[in-house]
Structure formats: C-alpha cells, structure tokens
C-alpha cells in the first residue's frame, strides 16, 4: 500500500490524532513547568505529522476542486440546454397572438382600413385589401365579461352558422390582457372567428351583450377616423340571454329587413 493510500485509512488518522494529542501534552508540560525539551519534542512531533500527511491533504483538496469544477460544468451544460429548449417570452406571445387572430384576417384588414389615413399613413391601402363584401352578415356581439361557458357555446354555434363573434376592443387596451382573457375561455380545440371590431358596436349602438344582428351586408369602413360611424345596412337585431339558434329563429320569423339572411344561417346551424 502506498503512503497516500495508507494516509486515507481510518487507522492512520486515529494514529495521527493520538500523536498530535501526545505532542500537545508535551508542549503544555514544557510550557507549564519550564521543561523546554518536552516542548521541543512536541513541536517536532506535530511538524512530522504535518510533513507526513501533507500529500494526502493536498490530494483531498485537489479532489474537492475537481468535484466543484465538474458540478460547475454540469450546471453550465444544463443551463445551455434549458435556454435552447425554453421559448422566450416574446416568442410565446407571438405564438398566442397568431392563434388568437387565426381566421380573422378579413376583420383585421377591415379594421385597419377604418383608421384615419392622415394619422396612420397607408391604412387605407389595407382597407382596399379586404375581401369583397359577403352576401349578408350575422354578427354576435359579446364581451369577455360574459360567462365563459356562454362564450364557448356562442363561438361554436357561430362557427357552424357562418356568423362572426365580435368584441368591442382590447381588454383595458392591452393585447396581453386580451390574450389572457381569451385563453381563459378558448383553447386549441375551440373554433376560430373571434373578431375585434369596434365599428360594429358603433354602427349598431350596442350597449348590452349578447346582441344578435342579421344584416344584408357587412359593416363597411367609414374612413373618417377612429370615432366615425359607418352607415347601418338594412338589418334586424335582437338582444338577450339566449342561444344563437333561438335568436336566428326569432329574427327569421319577426325580422323585416334581413329574414333571408337569418333563415339561411339558421339552416346552416341546424344542418
């Protein structure tokens, strides 16, 4: 067995402890009674222990350094992997934003077209990119203050009937808060089609939700600033806490300007 290996055994450290204890006793006796040879012998014994055990102590210190280095390298590798696999906050919000507006390109382009061209240069060109008006429109005006189950049911039925679920604007003017509110209601399996369209609310002077509107054509951009009001197309409307099917049935029977639009949407919903 090598000297370093022996120094790492319990028997060796017990022996060294005893030697150090005896040396300390000799030093104390020499100092107490003036027996300087005893003190000298104690000092020599301690020096011998230090010299003898020095290699083992050095190796132990080096092992501690090596272990600390390995832990640091492992932590650095783990951090690099976490950074590589974890999406940054900006990327996450971009993904959620794309999911929220999926299916609403026409509504977004129409909204941009309603901005004042003097304050937002080029906005009118975005309005020109919108799709040609559809033959009639069904709007379901809602708010995130409504019960989530009601919103999910209306979104599902609107998707089947070809209707558009609309809200007045951003929650507290914040995209982030709007995304948070939408995520509490809709998930990946929910039908797309939630639109932010303040123009619809202004045109029909909507003050309570839900409101169901059947119109002979969609609300068009007015092009005179953020507070302008587009002309109201021929339409029928009803409000109240009811299903889309019940609202369309009522509009198709009692409406006087867009009965055909309501009837066609009702057939799609039931079919």
Protein backbone atom coordinates (compact mmCIF):
# COMPACT_ATOMS: atom_id res chain seq x y z
CA UNK A 1 0.00 0.00 0.00
CA UNK A 2 1.34 3.44 -0.93
CA UNK A 3 1.87 6.20 1.62
CA UNK A 4 -1.02 8.29 0.25
CA UNK A 5 -3.36 5.28 0.25
CA UNK A 6 -2.39 4.48 3.85
CA UNK A 7 -2.94 8.08 4.90
CA UNK A 8 -6.55 7.79 3.69
CA UNK A 9 -7.36 4.85 6.01
CA UNK A 10 -9.18 5.39 9.36
CA UNK A 11 -6.38 3.59 11.25
CA UNK A 12 -3.83 6.13 10.02
CA UNK A 13 -5.91 9.12 11.06
CA UNK A 14 -6.50 7.60 14.52
CA UNK A 15 -2.75 7.15 14.94
CA UNK A 16 -2.05 10.70 13.76
CA UNK A 17 -4.69 12.05 16.15
CA UNK A 18 -3.03 10.26 19.06
CA UNK A 19 0.39 11.59 18.08
CA UNK A 20 -0.93 15.14 17.86
CA UNK A 21 -2.58 14.74 21.27
CA UNK A 22 0.66 13.49 22.84
CA UNK A 23 2.59 16.33 21.20
CA UNK A 24 0.14 18.88 22.56
CA UNK A 25 0.54 17.40 26.04
CA UNK A 26 4.33 17.61 25.82
CA UNK A 27 4.15 21.25 24.70
CA UNK A 28 1.83 22.07 27.62
CA UNK A 29 4.10 20.33 30.17
CA UNK A 30 7.13 22.13 28.83
CA UNK A 31 5.41 25.49 29.00
CA UNK A 32 3.90 24.85 32.43
CA UNK A 33 7.00 23.51 34.22
CA UNK A 34 9.75 25.02 32.15
CA UNK A 35 10.72 21.68 30.62
CA UNK A 36 11.73 23.08 27.27
CA UNK A 37 12.95 19.72 25.89
CA UNK A 38 9.37 18.45 26.23
CA UNK A 39 8.03 21.43 24.33
CA UNK A 40 10.63 20.98 21.62
CA UNK A 41 9.78 17.28 21.27
CA UNK A 42 6.06 18.15 20.97
CA UNK A 43 6.75 20.67 18.24
CA UNK A 44 8.85 18.18 16.34
CA UNK A 45 6.13 15.54 16.58
CA UNK A 46 3.49 17.95 15.17
CA UNK A 47 5.82 19.03 12.37
CA UNK A 48 6.42 15.40 11.49
CA UNK A 49 2.67 14.74 11.30
CA UNK A 50 2.17 17.71 9.00
CA UNK A 51 5.00 16.65 6.72
CA UNK A 52 3.85 13.03 6.67
CA UNK A 53 0.19 13.82 5.92
CA UNK A 54 0.83 16.70 3.54
CA UNK A 55 0.43 14.68 0.29
CA UNK A 56 -2.91 13.25 1.43
CA UNK A 57 -4.22 16.68 2.40
CA UNK A 58 -3.10 18.11 -0.93
CA UNK A 59 -4.81 15.28 -2.81
CA UNK A 60 -8.04 15.78 -0.85
CA UNK A 61 -8.02 19.50 -1.66
CA UNK A 62 -7.45 18.73 -5.33
CA UNK A 63 -10.36 16.28 -5.29
CA UNK A 64 -12.62 18.99 -3.86
CA UNK A 65 -11.53 21.37 -6.63
CA UNK A 66 -12.15 18.71 -9.27
CA UNK A 67 -15.61 17.96 -7.91
CA UNK A 68 -16.54 21.64 -7.85
CA UNK A 69 -15.31 22.01 -11.45
CA UNK A 70 -17.40 19.05 -12.59
CA UNK A 71 -20.52 20.44 -10.86
CA UNK A 72 -19.98 23.82 -12.50
CA UNK A 73 -19.58 22.23 -15.93
CA UNK A 74 -22.75 20.16 -15.42
CA UNK A 75 -24.69 23.26 -14.33
CA UNK A 76 -23.42 25.20 -17.36
CA UNK A 77 -24.49 22.40 -19.70
CA UNK A 78 -27.92 22.20 -18.06
CA UNK A 79 -28.40 25.96 -18.36
CA UNK A 80 -27.44 25.89 -22.05
CA UNK A 81 -29.96 23.10 -22.69
CA UNK A 82 -32.72 25.00 -20.83
CA UNK A 83 -32.06 28.17 -22.82
CA UNK A 84 -32.11 26.21 -26.08
CA UNK A 85 -35.40 24.41 -25.36
CA UNK A 86 -37.37 27.09 -23.47
CA UNK A 87 -39.20 29.64 -25.67
CA UNK A 88 -38.56 33.24 -24.83
CA UNK A 89 -41.45 35.42 -23.59
CA UNK A 90 -41.66 37.30 -26.89
CA UNK A 91 -41.89 34.08 -28.90
CA UNK A 92 -44.65 32.80 -26.63
CA UNK A 93 -46.76 35.95 -27.06
CA UNK A 94 -46.23 35.87 -30.83
CA UNK A 95 -47.48 32.28 -30.96
CA UNK A 96 -50.51 33.07 -28.82
CA UNK A 97 -51.30 36.16 -30.88
CA UNK A 98 -51.23 34.17 -34.09
CA UNK A 99 -53.54 31.57 -32.56
CA UNK A 100 -55.99 34.25 -31.40
CA UNK A 101 -56.29 36.01 -34.75
CA UNK A 102 -56.36 32.82 -36.82
CA UNK A 103 -59.34 33.05 -39.14
CA UNK A 104 -59.81 36.79 -38.71
CA UNK A 105 -57.62 38.24 -41.47
CA UNK A 106 -60.54 39.94 -43.21
CA UNK A 107 -61.73 41.58 -39.98
CA UNK A 108 -58.25 42.84 -39.15
CA UNK A 109 -57.77 44.31 -42.61
CA UNK A 110 -61.17 45.99 -42.43
CA UNK A 111 -60.29 47.44 -39.02
CA UNK A 112 -57.06 48.89 -40.39
CA UNK A 113 -59.00 50.36 -43.27
CA UNK A 114 -61.16 52.28 -40.80
CA UNK A 115 -58.17 54.21 -39.41
CA UNK A 116 -57.61 57.81 -40.34
CA UNK A 117 -55.14 57.88 -43.26
CA UNK A 118 -53.76 61.26 -42.09
CA UNK A 119 -52.76 59.82 -38.72
CA UNK A 120 -51.88 56.33 -39.97
CA UNK A 121 -50.37 56.57 -43.48
CA UNK A 122 -51.08 53.54 -45.62
CA UNK A 123 -54.04 52.35 -43.56
CA UNK A 124 -56.49 52.97 -46.40
CA UNK A 125 -54.48 50.60 -48.60
CA UNK A 126 -55.02 47.87 -46.05
CA UNK A 127 -58.72 48.56 -46.30
CA UNK A 128 -58.53 48.02 -50.04
CA UNK A 129 -57.07 44.55 -49.43
CA UNK A 130 -60.16 43.27 -47.67
CA UNK A 131 -62.26 40.62 -49.35
CA UNK A 132 -65.36 41.65 -51.32
CA UNK A 133 -68.47 42.03 -49.13
CA UNK A 134 -70.30 38.79 -48.47
CA UNK A 135 -73.98 38.33 -49.27
CA UNK A 136 -75.23 39.24 -45.85
CA UNK A 137 -73.69 39.03 -42.39
CA UNK A 138 -74.58 37.67 -38.98
CA UNK A 139 -72.94 39.36 -36.00
CA UNK A 140 -72.94 38.09 -32.43
CA UNK A 141 -71.75 40.94 -30.20
CA UNK A 142 -70.22 39.64 -26.97
CA UNK A 143 -67.88 40.66 -24.15
CA UNK A 144 -65.25 38.86 -22.09
CA UNK A 145 -67.32 39.81 -19.04
CA UNK A 146 -69.86 37.17 -20.08
CA UNK A 147 -69.70 33.66 -18.52
CA UNK A 148 -67.03 31.55 -20.27
CA UNK A 149 -69.46 28.71 -20.98
CA UNK A 150 -71.81 31.09 -22.79
CA UNK A 151 -68.95 32.46 -24.89
CA UNK A 152 -67.76 28.97 -25.81
CA UNK A 153 -71.28 27.91 -26.83
CA UNK A 154 -71.83 31.04 -28.91
CA UNK A 155 -68.42 30.65 -30.59
CA UNK A 156 -69.21 27.05 -31.51
CA UNK A 157 -72.64 27.91 -32.92
CA UNK A 158 -71.34 31.00 -34.75
CA UNK A 159 -68.72 28.88 -36.47
CA UNK A 160 -71.37 26.43 -37.68
CA UNK A 161 -73.80 29.14 -38.81
CA UNK A 162 -71.19 31.28 -40.58
CA UNK A 163 -71.68 34.12 -38.09
CA UNK A 164 -68.99 36.42 -36.69
CA UNK A 165 -68.39 36.67 -32.95
CA UNK A 166 -67.28 40.27 -32.22
CA UNK A 167 -65.97 42.16 -29.19
CA UNK A 168 -65.71 45.94 -28.89
CA UNK A 169 -61.95 46.19 -28.40
CA UNK A 170 -58.89 45.13 -26.40
CA UNK A 171 -59.28 44.38 -22.70
CA UNK A 172 -58.05 47.55 -20.95
CA UNK A 173 -56.38 48.49 -24.23
CA UNK A 174 -53.82 45.70 -23.78
CA UNK A 175 -53.01 42.87 -26.19
CA UNK A 176 -51.54 40.88 -23.31
CA UNK A 177 -54.68 41.17 -21.18
CA UNK A 178 -56.83 40.33 -24.20
CA UNK A 179 -54.81 37.17 -24.82
CA UNK A 180 -55.09 36.22 -21.17
CA UNK A 181 -58.87 36.70 -21.23
CA UNK A 182 -59.19 34.71 -24.46
CA UNK A 183 -57.13 31.82 -23.08
CA UNK A 184 -59.47 31.56 -20.10
CA UNK A 185 -62.37 30.97 -22.49
CA UNK A 186 -60.97 29.31 -25.61
CA UNK A 187 -58.46 26.52 -26.09
CA UNK A 188 -56.80 24.89 -29.10
CA UNK A 189 -59.98 22.94 -29.90
CA UNK A 190 -62.27 25.98 -29.89
CA UNK A 191 -63.45 27.29 -33.27
CA UNK A 192 -61.71 30.40 -34.52
CA UNK A 193 -63.56 33.55 -35.51
CA UNK A 194 -63.40 35.90 -32.52
CA UNK A 195 -63.05 39.38 -34.01
CA UNK A 196 -62.21 42.78 -32.51
CA UNK A 197 -64.44 45.20 -34.42
CA UNK A 198 -65.45 48.44 -32.65
CA UNK A 199 -67.08 49.61 -35.89
CA UNK A 200 -69.90 47.08 -35.49
CA UNK A 201 -70.57 48.31 -31.95
CA UNK A 202 -70.67 51.95 -33.05
CA UNK A 203 -72.86 51.31 -36.10
CA UNK A 204 -75.48 49.39 -34.13
CA UNK A 205 -75.04 51.42 -30.92
CA UNK A 206 -74.55 48.24 -28.91
CA UNK A 207 -74.68 48.85 -25.16
CA UNK A 208 -75.58 45.38 -23.92
CA UNK A 209 -74.49 41.89 -24.87
CA UNK A 210 -75.12 39.44 -26.26
CA UNK A 211 -76.74 41.09 -29.26
CA UNK A 212 -77.58 39.19 -32.44
CA UNK A 213 -77.64 41.07 -35.76
CA UNK A 214 -78.67 39.88 -39.21
CA UNK A 215 -77.67 42.35 -41.96
CA UNK A 216 -77.96 42.33 -45.73
CA UNK A 217 -74.25 43.18 -45.95
CA UNK A 218 -71.30 43.64 -43.58
CA UNK A 219 -70.48 46.93 -41.87
CA UNK A 220 -68.08 48.82 -44.13
CA UNK A 221 -65.16 51.08 -43.10
CA UNK A 222 -66.17 54.73 -42.88
CA UNK A 223 -62.61 56.07 -43.40
CA UNK A 224 -63.06 59.19 -41.25
CA UNK A 225 -61.06 58.44 -38.11
CA UNK A 226 -61.34 56.17 -35.12
CA UNK A 227 -64.66 57.59 -33.92
CA UNK A 228 -66.52 57.60 -37.21
CA UNK A 229 -69.75 55.66 -37.59
CA UNK A 230 -70.39 53.63 -40.74
CA UNK A 231 -73.85 53.67 -42.33
CA UNK A 232 -76.09 50.96 -40.96
CA UNK A 233 -77.07 48.44 -43.65
CA UNK A 234 -80.61 47.03 -43.70
CA UNK A 235 -80.69 44.69 -40.71
CA UNK A 236 -82.67 43.05 -37.92
CA UNK A 237 -81.41 42.67 -34.38
CA UNK A 238 -82.36 41.17 -31.04
CA UNK A 239 -80.62 41.10 -27.68
CA UNK A 240 -80.95 38.94 -24.60
CA UNK A 241 -79.52 35.92 -22.86
CA UNK A 242 -80.37 33.28 -25.47
CA UNK A 243 -78.69 30.85 -27.81
CA UNK A 244 -77.75 31.74 -31.36
CA UNK A 245 -80.29 29.23 -32.64
CA UNK A 246 -83.09 30.89 -30.67
CA UNK A 247 -82.02 34.34 -31.87
CA UNK A 248 -81.86 33.30 -35.51
CA UNK A 249 -85.25 31.59 -35.26
CA UNK A 250 -86.73 34.78 -33.83
CA UNK A 251 -85.09 37.01 -36.47
CA UNK A 252 -86.18 34.74 -39.33
CA UNK A 253 -89.81 34.92 -38.19
CA UNK A 254 -90.12 38.51 -36.99
CA UNK A 255 -87.41 40.34 -38.91
CA UNK A 256 -88.48 42.64 -41.73
CA UNK A 257 -85.18 43.55 -43.44
CA UNK A 258 -82.89 40.51 -43.34
CA UNK A 259 -85.16 37.49 -42.89
CA UNK A 260 -83.47 35.52 -45.65
CA UNK A 261 -80.06 36.08 -44.09
CA UNK A 262 -81.32 34.80 -40.73
CA UNK A 263 -83.08 31.81 -42.28
CA UNK A 264 -80.01 30.78 -44.27
CA UNK A 265 -77.77 30.97 -41.19
CA UNK A 266 -80.32 29.02 -39.14
CA UNK A 267 -80.36 26.25 -41.74
CA UNK A 268 -76.58 26.02 -41.67
CA UNK A 269 -76.59 25.87 -37.88
CA UNK A 270 -79.19 23.11 -37.76
CA UNK A 271 -77.77 21.22 -40.70
